[in-house]
């Protein structure tokens, strides 16, 4: 089975020429348990999704494990997420040709826009 997201297929390991990045960084956020949400509305798979995404990033895309920050459940607070995102602004660590991936698995919401 191939999960494809143009231009690279997740089932294929990219060649060095296909990855023009200096280094790879990721912030993976998964929230199953929400403090102010009824038990029957809690999620069961968001944290597992983060684990699977981490594995794919390391094994298929060559992300160094040390460059992946994972925040799950009570770690994924506004402050925790903002601190983790702020680390991407450190020019001593993150270079212009590095790639950064931010992944969120959890409840979302719809925000009405002026255009509909």
N, C-alpha and C. Protein backbone atom coordinates (compact mmCIF):
# COMPACT_ATOMS: atom_id res chain seq x y z
N UNK A 1 0.85 -1.18 0.00
CA UNK A 1 0.00 0.00 0.00
C UNK A 1 0.89 1.24 0.00
N UNK A 2 0.51 2.22 -0.74
CA UNK A 2 1.28 3.45 -0.84
C UNK A 2 0.41 4.63 -0.40
N UNK A 3 0.90 5.35 0.58
CA UNK A 3 0.23 6.59 0.99
C UNK A 3 1.00 7.70 0.30
N UNK A 4 0.41 8.32 -0.68
CA UNK A 4 1.15 9.29 -1.47
C UNK A 4 0.76 10.72 -1.15
N UNK A 5 1.77 11.52 -1.03
CA UNK A 5 1.61 12.97 -0.88
C UNK A 5 2.63 13.57 -1.84
N UNK A 6 2.16 14.15 -2.90
CA UNK A 6 3.06 14.65 -3.95
C UNK A 6 4.12 15.53 -3.34
N UNK A 7 5.33 15.46 -3.80
CA UNK A 7 5.81 14.63 -4.89
C UNK A 7 6.45 13.32 -4.44
N UNK A 8 6.45 12.98 -3.14
CA UNK A 8 7.15 11.78 -2.66
C UNK A 8 6.15 10.79 -2.09
N UNK A 9 6.32 9.52 -2.42
CA UNK A 9 5.47 8.48 -1.88
C UNK A 9 6.03 8.00 -0.54
N UNK A 10 5.20 7.89 0.49
CA UNK A 10 5.67 7.49 1.81
C UNK A 10 6.18 6.07 1.85
N UNK A 11 5.84 5.24 0.87
CA UNK A 11 6.28 3.86 0.85
C UNK A 11 7.68 3.71 0.26
N UNK A 12 8.24 4.77 -0.28
CA UNK A 12 9.55 4.70 -0.89
C UNK A 12 10.53 5.58 -0.12
N UNK A 13 11.73 5.04 0.10
CA UNK A 13 12.77 5.83 0.76
C UNK A 13 13.38 6.76 -0.28
N UNK A 14 13.40 8.07 -0.02
CA UNK A 14 13.93 9.00 -1.01
C UNK A 14 15.43 8.85 -1.16
N UNK A 15 15.91 9.14 -2.34
CA UNK A 15 17.34 9.12 -2.59
C UNK A 15 17.93 10.42 -2.06
N UNK A 16 19.25 10.46 -1.90
CA UNK A 16 19.91 11.68 -1.42
C UNK A 16 19.59 12.86 -2.32
N UNK A 17 19.54 12.63 -3.64
CA UNK A 17 19.25 13.71 -4.58
C UNK A 17 17.82 14.24 -4.40
N UNK A 18 16.91 13.39 -3.91
CA UNK A 18 15.51 13.79 -3.77
C UNK A 18 15.29 14.62 -2.50
N UNK A 19 16.25 14.65 -1.59
CA UNK A 19 16.10 15.37 -0.33
C UNK A 19 17.15 16.48 -0.28
N UNK A 20 16.78 17.68 -0.68
CA UNK A 20 17.74 18.78 -0.74
C UNK A 20 17.89 19.55 0.58
N UNK A 21 17.72 18.87 1.71
CA UNK A 21 17.72 19.53 3.00
C UNK A 21 19.04 19.31 3.72
N UNK A 22 19.42 20.30 4.54
CA UNK A 22 20.61 20.16 5.36
C UNK A 22 20.36 19.24 6.54
N UNK A 23 19.30 19.48 7.28
CA UNK A 23 18.94 18.67 8.43
C UNK A 23 17.43 18.64 8.52
N UNK A 24 16.92 17.77 9.35
CA UNK A 24 15.46 17.59 9.46
C UNK A 24 15.04 17.68 10.91
N UNK A 25 13.98 18.42 11.16
CA UNK A 25 13.46 18.67 12.50
C UNK A 25 11.96 18.44 12.50
N UNK A 26 11.42 17.94 13.60
CA UNK A 26 9.98 17.73 13.68
C UNK A 26 9.47 17.99 15.08
N UNK A 27 8.26 18.50 15.12
CA UNK A 27 7.48 18.63 16.35
C UNK A 27 6.21 17.83 16.13
N UNK A 28 6.04 16.77 16.92
CA UNK A 28 4.87 15.89 16.80
C UNK A 28 4.01 16.05 18.05
N UNK A 29 2.75 16.37 17.83
CA UNK A 29 1.82 16.64 18.93
C UNK A 29 0.64 15.69 18.81
N UNK A 30 0.34 14.99 19.89
CA UNK A 30 -0.81 14.07 19.90
C UNK A 30 -1.57 14.20 21.20
N UNK A 31 -2.86 14.42 21.08
CA UNK A 31 -3.69 14.60 22.28
C UNK A 31 -4.88 13.65 22.22
N UNK A 32 -4.90 12.69 23.14
CA UNK A 32 -6.04 11.81 23.34
C UNK A 32 -6.96 12.34 24.43
N UNK A 33 -6.35 12.84 25.51
CA UNK A 33 -7.10 13.22 26.70
C UNK A 33 -7.18 14.74 26.82
N UNK A 34 -8.39 15.23 26.84
CA UNK A 34 -8.66 16.66 26.98
C UNK A 34 -9.26 16.91 28.36
N UNK A 35 -8.68 17.85 29.08
CA UNK A 35 -9.08 18.12 30.46
C UNK A 35 -10.56 18.47 30.61
N UNK A 36 -11.11 19.26 29.71
CA UNK A 36 -12.50 19.75 29.86
C UNK A 36 -13.46 19.10 28.86
N UNK A 37 -13.21 17.86 28.54
CA UNK A 37 -14.04 17.16 27.56
C UNK A 37 -14.59 15.89 28.19
N UNK A 38 -15.87 15.61 27.94
CA UNK A 38 -16.50 14.42 28.50
C UNK A 38 -15.75 13.16 28.07
N UNK A 39 -15.79 12.15 28.92
CA UNK A 39 -15.05 10.90 28.68
C UNK A 39 -15.41 10.28 27.32
N UNK A 40 -16.68 10.30 26.96
CA UNK A 40 -17.07 9.66 25.70
C UNK A 40 -16.58 10.43 24.46
N UNK A 41 -16.07 11.64 24.64
CA UNK A 41 -15.54 12.42 23.52
C UNK A 41 -14.00 12.39 23.45
N UNK A 42 -13.36 11.73 24.41
CA UNK A 42 -11.90 11.61 24.40
C UNK A 42 -11.49 10.74 23.21
N UNK A 43 -10.28 10.95 22.74
CA UNK A 43 -9.77 10.21 21.59
C UNK A 43 -8.97 8.99 22.04
N UNK A 44 -8.77 8.05 21.14
CA UNK A 44 -8.02 6.84 21.46
C UNK A 44 -6.78 6.65 20.59
N UNK A 45 -6.68 7.35 19.47
CA UNK A 45 -5.63 7.02 18.52
C UNK A 45 -4.64 8.15 18.21
N UNK A 46 -4.85 9.34 18.72
CA UNK A 46 -3.98 10.47 18.39
C UNK A 46 -2.54 10.23 18.84
N UNK A 47 -2.36 9.72 20.05
CA UNK A 47 -1.02 9.44 20.56
C UNK A 47 -0.36 8.34 19.73
N UNK A 48 -1.13 7.31 19.35
CA UNK A 48 -0.60 6.26 18.49
C UNK A 48 -0.19 6.82 17.13
N UNK A 49 -0.97 7.75 16.61
CA UNK A 49 -0.64 8.39 15.32
C UNK A 49 0.73 9.06 15.39
N UNK A 50 1.01 9.73 16.51
CA UNK A 50 2.29 10.41 16.69
C UNK A 50 3.43 9.39 16.70
N UNK A 51 3.23 8.27 17.38
CA UNK A 51 4.25 7.22 17.39
C UNK A 51 4.52 6.67 16.00
N UNK A 52 3.45 6.46 15.23
CA UNK A 52 3.61 5.96 13.86
C UNK A 52 4.29 7.00 12.97
N UNK A 53 3.93 8.26 13.14
CA UNK A 53 4.57 9.32 12.35
C UNK A 53 6.05 9.41 12.68
N UNK A 54 6.40 9.31 13.94
CA UNK A 54 7.80 9.34 14.35
C UNK A 54 8.58 8.22 13.66
N UNK A 55 8.02 7.03 13.66
CA UNK A 55 8.68 5.88 13.04
C UNK A 55 8.88 6.11 11.55
N UNK A 56 7.88 6.63 10.86
CA UNK A 56 7.99 6.90 9.43
C UNK A 56 9.06 7.96 9.16
N UNK A 57 9.08 9.01 9.96
CA UNK A 57 10.06 10.07 9.76
C UNK A 57 11.49 9.55 9.92
N UNK A 58 11.70 8.69 10.91
CA UNK A 58 13.04 8.16 11.16
C UNK A 58 13.43 7.12 10.12
N UNK A 59 12.55 6.16 9.86
CA UNK A 59 12.92 5.03 9.00
C UNK A 59 12.81 5.34 7.51
N UNK A 60 11.87 6.16 7.12
CA UNK A 60 11.67 6.42 5.69
C UNK A 60 12.27 7.73 5.21
N UNK A 61 12.35 8.73 6.10
CA UNK A 61 12.79 10.05 5.67
C UNK A 61 14.07 10.53 6.32
N UNK A 62 14.69 9.70 7.14
CA UNK A 62 16.00 10.02 7.68
C UNK A 62 16.04 11.12 8.72
N UNK A 63 14.93 11.41 9.37
CA UNK A 63 14.94 12.40 10.45
C UNK A 63 15.74 11.80 11.62
N UNK A 64 16.72 12.52 12.16
CA UNK A 64 17.42 12.02 13.34
C UNK A 64 16.46 12.00 14.54
N UNK A 65 16.48 10.91 15.29
CA UNK A 65 15.57 10.82 16.44
C UNK A 65 15.77 11.97 17.42
N UNK A 66 17.00 12.43 17.56
CA UNK A 66 17.28 13.54 18.49
C UNK A 66 16.67 14.85 18.03
N UNK A 67 16.29 14.95 16.76
CA UNK A 67 15.70 16.18 16.22
C UNK A 67 14.18 16.15 16.21
N UNK A 68 13.59 15.15 16.82
CA UNK A 68 12.13 15.04 16.86
C UNK A 68 11.66 15.28 18.29
N UNK A 69 10.86 16.31 18.46
CA UNK A 69 10.24 16.61 19.75
C UNK A 69 8.83 16.07 19.73
N UNK A 70 8.46 15.33 20.76
CA UNK A 70 7.12 14.75 20.85
C UNK A 70 6.44 15.29 22.09
N UNK A 71 5.25 15.84 21.91
CA UNK A 71 4.42 16.31 23.02
C UNK A 71 3.11 15.53 22.97
N UNK A 72 2.78 14.83 24.05
CA UNK A 72 1.53 14.09 24.07
C UNK A 72 0.72 14.45 25.31
N UNK A 73 -0.58 14.39 25.12
CA UNK A 73 -1.56 14.67 26.17
C UNK A 73 -1.20 15.89 27.00
N UNK A 74 -0.96 15.72 28.31
CA UNK A 74 -0.76 16.89 29.18
C UNK A 74 0.51 17.67 28.87
N UNK A 75 1.43 17.12 28.10
CA UNK A 75 2.63 17.87 27.66
C UNK A 75 2.27 18.89 26.58
N UNK A 76 1.18 18.64 25.87
CA UNK A 76 0.81 19.47 24.72
C UNK A 76 -0.04 20.67 25.14
N UNK A 77 0.50 21.45 26.07
CA UNK A 77 -0.17 22.67 26.49
C UNK A 77 0.20 23.80 25.53
N UNK A 78 -0.49 24.91 25.65
CA UNK A 78 -0.15 26.08 24.83
C UNK A 78 1.30 26.47 25.07
N UNK A 79 1.70 26.54 26.34
CA UNK A 79 3.08 26.91 26.66
C UNK A 79 4.08 25.89 26.13
N UNK A 80 3.78 24.61 26.28
CA UNK A 80 4.68 23.57 25.79
C UNK A 80 4.86 23.62 24.29
N UNK A 81 3.77 23.84 23.58
CA UNK A 81 3.84 23.92 22.12
C UNK A 81 4.59 25.18 21.69
N UNK A 82 4.31 26.31 22.34
CA UNK A 82 5.01 27.55 21.99
C UNK A 82 6.52 27.44 22.26
N UNK A 83 6.91 26.81 23.37
CA UNK A 83 8.33 26.62 23.66
C UNK A 83 9.00 25.74 22.60
N UNK A 84 8.33 24.66 22.24
CA UNK A 84 8.89 23.76 21.22
C UNK A 84 9.00 24.45 19.87
N UNK A 85 8.00 25.25 19.51
CA UNK A 85 8.04 25.96 18.23
C UNK A 85 9.14 27.03 18.25
N UNK A 86 9.34 27.68 19.40
CA UNK A 86 10.36 28.72 19.50
C UNK A 86 11.76 28.16 19.25
N UNK A 87 11.97 26.90 19.55
CA UNK A 87 13.28 26.28 19.29
C UNK A 87 13.60 26.25 17.79
N UNK A 88 12.58 26.26 16.95
CA UNK A 88 12.82 26.30 15.50
C UNK A 88 13.37 27.66 15.05
N UNK A 89 13.30 28.67 15.91
CA UNK A 89 13.80 30.00 15.56
C UNK A 89 15.25 30.20 15.97
N UNK A 90 15.89 29.17 16.53
CA UNK A 90 17.28 29.27 16.98
C UNK A 90 18.22 29.10 15.79
N UNK A 91 18.86 30.17 15.33
CA UNK A 91 19.72 30.08 14.14
C UNK A 91 20.99 29.27 14.37
N UNK A 92 21.33 29.00 15.63
CA UNK A 92 22.49 28.15 15.89
C UNK A 92 22.18 26.68 15.66
N UNK A 93 20.90 26.33 15.70
CA UNK A 93 20.47 24.95 15.48
C UNK A 93 19.84 24.76 14.11
N UNK A 94 18.92 25.63 13.76
CA UNK A 94 18.15 25.48 12.53
C UNK A 94 18.74 26.37 11.46
N UNK A 95 19.08 25.78 10.34
CA UNK A 95 19.69 26.52 9.23
C UNK A 95 18.67 26.77 8.12
N UNK A 96 19.01 27.68 7.21
CA UNK A 96 18.09 28.07 6.14
C UNK A 96 17.65 26.89 5.26
N UNK A 97 18.51 25.91 5.07
CA UNK A 97 18.14 24.80 4.18
C UNK A 97 17.64 23.57 4.95
N UNK A 98 17.34 23.71 6.23
CA UNK A 98 16.77 22.61 7.01
C UNK A 98 15.26 22.52 6.75
N UNK A 99 14.73 21.33 6.93
CA UNK A 99 13.28 21.18 6.83
C UNK A 99 12.71 21.01 8.22
N UNK A 100 11.48 21.54 8.39
CA UNK A 100 10.78 21.47 9.66
C UNK A 100 9.38 20.95 9.39
N UNK A 101 8.98 19.96 10.18
CA UNK A 101 7.63 19.40 10.07
C UNK A 101 6.94 19.57 11.42
N UNK A 102 5.75 20.12 11.41
CA UNK A 102 4.91 20.19 12.61
C UNK A 102 3.68 19.36 12.31
N UNK A 103 3.43 18.37 13.17
CA UNK A 103 2.32 17.42 12.97
C UNK A 103 1.44 17.44 14.22
N UNK A 104 0.13 17.54 14.00
CA UNK A 104 -0.82 17.53 15.11
C UNK A 104 -1.86 16.45 14.86
N UNK A 105 -2.12 15.64 15.89
CA UNK A 105 -3.19 14.66 15.85
C UNK A 105 -4.03 14.86 17.10
N UNK A 106 -5.29 15.18 16.90
CA UNK A 106 -6.19 15.42 18.02
C UNK A 106 -7.47 16.05 17.50
N UNK A 107 -8.28 16.56 18.43
CA UNK A 107 -9.50 17.25 18.04
C UNK A 107 -9.15 18.57 17.36
N UNK A 108 -9.94 18.95 16.42
CA UNK A 108 -9.79 20.22 15.75
C UNK A 108 -11.08 21.01 15.83
N UNK A 109 -11.13 22.08 15.14
CA UNK A 109 -12.33 22.90 15.12
C UNK A 109 -12.46 23.61 13.81
N UNK A 110 -13.64 24.01 13.48
CA UNK A 110 -13.91 24.76 12.27
C UNK A 110 -14.06 26.22 12.64
N UNK A 111 -13.34 27.06 11.93
CA UNK A 111 -13.40 28.50 12.17
C UNK A 111 -14.04 29.14 10.95
N UNK A 112 -15.18 29.84 11.14
CA UNK A 112 -15.79 30.51 9.98
C UNK A 112 -14.91 31.64 9.47
N UNK A 113 -14.74 31.71 8.18
CA UNK A 113 -13.96 32.77 7.55
C UNK A 113 -14.90 33.76 6.88
N UNK A 114 -14.44 34.97 6.62
CA UNK A 114 -15.31 35.97 5.99
C UNK A 114 -15.88 35.50 4.64
N UNK A 115 -15.12 34.68 3.92
CA UNK A 115 -15.57 34.20 2.62
C UNK A 115 -16.43 32.94 2.69
N UNK A 116 -16.70 32.44 3.89
CA UNK A 116 -17.55 31.25 4.01
C UNK A 116 -16.85 30.10 4.66
